[in-house]
Amino acid sequence: MLEQFIRYVNDFYGPKGVYDMGATPGQIIEATGAMLNLEGWDCAWDSVDREKVRDIMIERFGLKFPGEG
């Protein structure tokens, strides 16, 4: 499940993704680990989790969502 989720997030935020933020596999893996370690976070491997990983990558790595600053 984890490997599929990493690919899913990459398909959205990796190079040539739906919302290409230039996220690397390493950044996605690190942000996913951070999400899984959040107290009280109940991971369902869905779009809510994908967006949480996105937010963590923006915060940790300074990535920008397309069309933002």
C-alpha atoms as a PDB file:
ATOM      1  CA  MET A   1       0.000   0.000   0.000  1.00  0.00           C
ATOM      2  CA  LEU A   2       2.793   2.440   0.880  1.00  0.00           C
ATOM      3  CA  GLU A   3       4.554   1.968  -2.458  1.00  0.00           C
ATOM      4  CA  GLN A   4       1.305   2.590  -4.353  1.00  0.00           C
ATOM      5  CA  PHE A   5       0.660   5.719  -2.308  1.00  0.00           C
ATOM      6  CA  ILE A   6       4.149   7.081  -3.067  1.00  0.00           C
ATOM      7  CA  ARG A   7       3.497   6.569  -6.804  1.00  0.00           C
ATOM      8  CA  TYR A   8       0.054   8.170  -6.430  1.00  0.00           C
ATOM      9  CA  VAL A   9       1.534  11.269  -4.786  1.00  0.00           C
ATOM     10  CA  ASN A  10       4.301  11.398  -7.401  1.00  0.00           C
ATOM     11  CA  ASP A  11       1.688  11.285 -10.173  1.00  0.00           C
ATOM     12  CA  PHE A  12       0.248  14.497  -8.738  1.00  0.00           C
ATOM     13  CA  TYR A  13       3.229  16.458  -7.406  1.00  0.00           C
ATOM     14  CA  GLY A  14       6.287  14.940  -9.070  1.00  0.00           C
ATOM     15  CA  PRO A  15       7.794  16.081 -12.382  1.00  0.00           C
ATOM     16  CA  LYS A  16       5.139  16.098 -15.126  1.00  0.00           C
ATOM     17  CA  GLY A  17       2.472  15.350 -12.519  1.00  0.00           C
ATOM     18  CA  VAL A  18      -1.057  16.729 -12.540  1.00  0.00           C
ATOM     19  CA  TYR A  19       0.157  19.558 -10.268  1.00  0.00           C
ATOM     20  CA  ASP A  20       3.883  19.449 -11.003  1.00  0.00           C
ATOM     21  CA  MET A  21       5.691  20.825  -7.973  1.00  0.00           C
ATOM     22  CA  GLY A  22       8.931  19.100  -8.907  1.00  0.00           C
ATOM     23  CA  ALA A  23       8.752  16.875  -5.824  1.00  0.00           C
ATOM     24  CA  THR A  24      11.418  14.178  -5.742  1.00  0.00           C
ATOM     25  CA  PRO A  25      10.741  10.613  -4.625  1.00  0.00           C
ATOM     26  CA  GLY A  26      12.890  11.285  -1.547  1.00  0.00           C
ATOM     27  CA  GLN A  27      10.824  14.333  -0.607  1.00  0.00           C
ATOM     28  CA  ILE A  28       7.599  12.393  -1.082  1.00  0.00           C
ATOM     29  CA  ILE A  29       8.874   9.516   1.066  1.00  0.00           C
ATOM     30  CA  GLU A  30      10.075  11.858   3.820  1.00  0.00           C
ATOM     31  CA  ALA A  31       6.812  13.824   3.840  1.00  0.00           C
ATOM     32  CA  THR A  32       4.781  10.602   3.872  1.00  0.00           C
ATOM     33  CA  GLY A  33       6.770   9.393   6.872  1.00  0.00           C
ATOM     34  CA  ALA A  34       6.109  12.695   8.618  1.00  0.00           C
ATOM     35  CA  MET A  35       2.387  12.364   7.905  1.00  0.00           C
ATOM     36  CA  LEU A  36       2.325   8.832   9.297  1.00  0.00           C
ATOM     37  CA  ASN A  37       4.002  10.076  12.484  1.00  0.00           C
ATOM     38  CA  LEU A  38       1.451  12.822  13.129  1.00  0.00           C
ATOM     39  CA  GLU A  39      -0.328  12.234  16.402  1.00  0.00           C
ATOM     40  CA  GLY A  40      -3.955  11.328  15.824  1.00  0.00           C
ATOM     41  CA  TRP A  41      -3.614  11.068  12.046  1.00  0.00           C
ATOM     42  CA  ASP A  42      -5.616   8.133  10.688  1.00  0.00           C
ATOM     43  CA  CYS A  43      -4.194   7.363   7.268  1.00  0.00           C
ATOM     44  CA  ALA A  44      -6.674   6.148   4.648  1.00  0.00           C
ATOM     45  CA  TRP A  45      -4.250   6.434   1.672  1.00  0.00           C
ATOM     46  CA  ASP A  46      -6.664   8.781  -0.092  1.00  0.00           C
ATOM     47  CA  SER A  47      -6.726  12.309  -1.504  1.00  0.00           C
ATOM     48  CA  VAL A  48      -6.858  13.842   1.991  1.00  0.00           C
ATOM     49  CA  ASP A  49      -3.602  12.071   2.818  1.00  0.00           C
ATOM     50  CA  ARG A  50      -2.104  13.068  -0.537  1.00  0.00           C
ATOM     51  CA  GLU A  51      -2.904  16.700   0.165  1.00  0.00           C
ATOM     52  CA  LYS A  52      -1.432  16.438   3.670  1.00  0.00           C
ATOM     53  CA  VAL A  53       1.810  15.134   2.139  1.00  0.00           C
ATOM     54  CA  ARG A  54       1.687  18.081  -0.288  1.00  0.00           C
ATOM     55  CA  ASP A  55       1.333  20.523   2.595  1.00  0.00           C
ATOM     56  CA  ILE A  56       4.243  18.928   4.449  1.00  0.00           C
ATOM     57  CA  MET A  57       6.425  19.170   1.319  1.00  0.00           C
ATOM     58  CA  ILE A  58       5.527  22.843   0.931  1.00  0.00           C
ATOM     59  CA  GLU A  59       6.419  23.493   4.565  1.00  0.00           C
ATOM     60  CA  ARG A  60       9.598  21.389   4.741  1.00  0.00           C
ATOM     61  CA  PHE A  61      11.087  21.835   1.301  1.00  0.00           C
ATOM     62  CA  GLY A  62       9.688  25.167   0.158  1.00  0.00           C
ATOM     63  CA  LEU A  63       7.938  23.630  -2.834  1.00  0.00           C
ATOM     64  CA  LYS A  64       5.303  25.747  -4.510  1.00  0.00           C
ATOM     65  CA  PHE A  65       1.895  24.640  -5.700  1.00  0.00           C
ATOM     66  CA  PRO A  66       1.531  25.573  -9.385  1.00  0.00           C
ATOM     67  CA  GLY A  67       0.176  29.080  -9.784  1.00  0.00           C
ATOM     68  CA  GLU A  68       1.195  30.181  -6.282  1.00  0.00           C
ATOM     69  CA  GLY A  69       3.939  32.717  -5.657  1.00  0.00           C
END
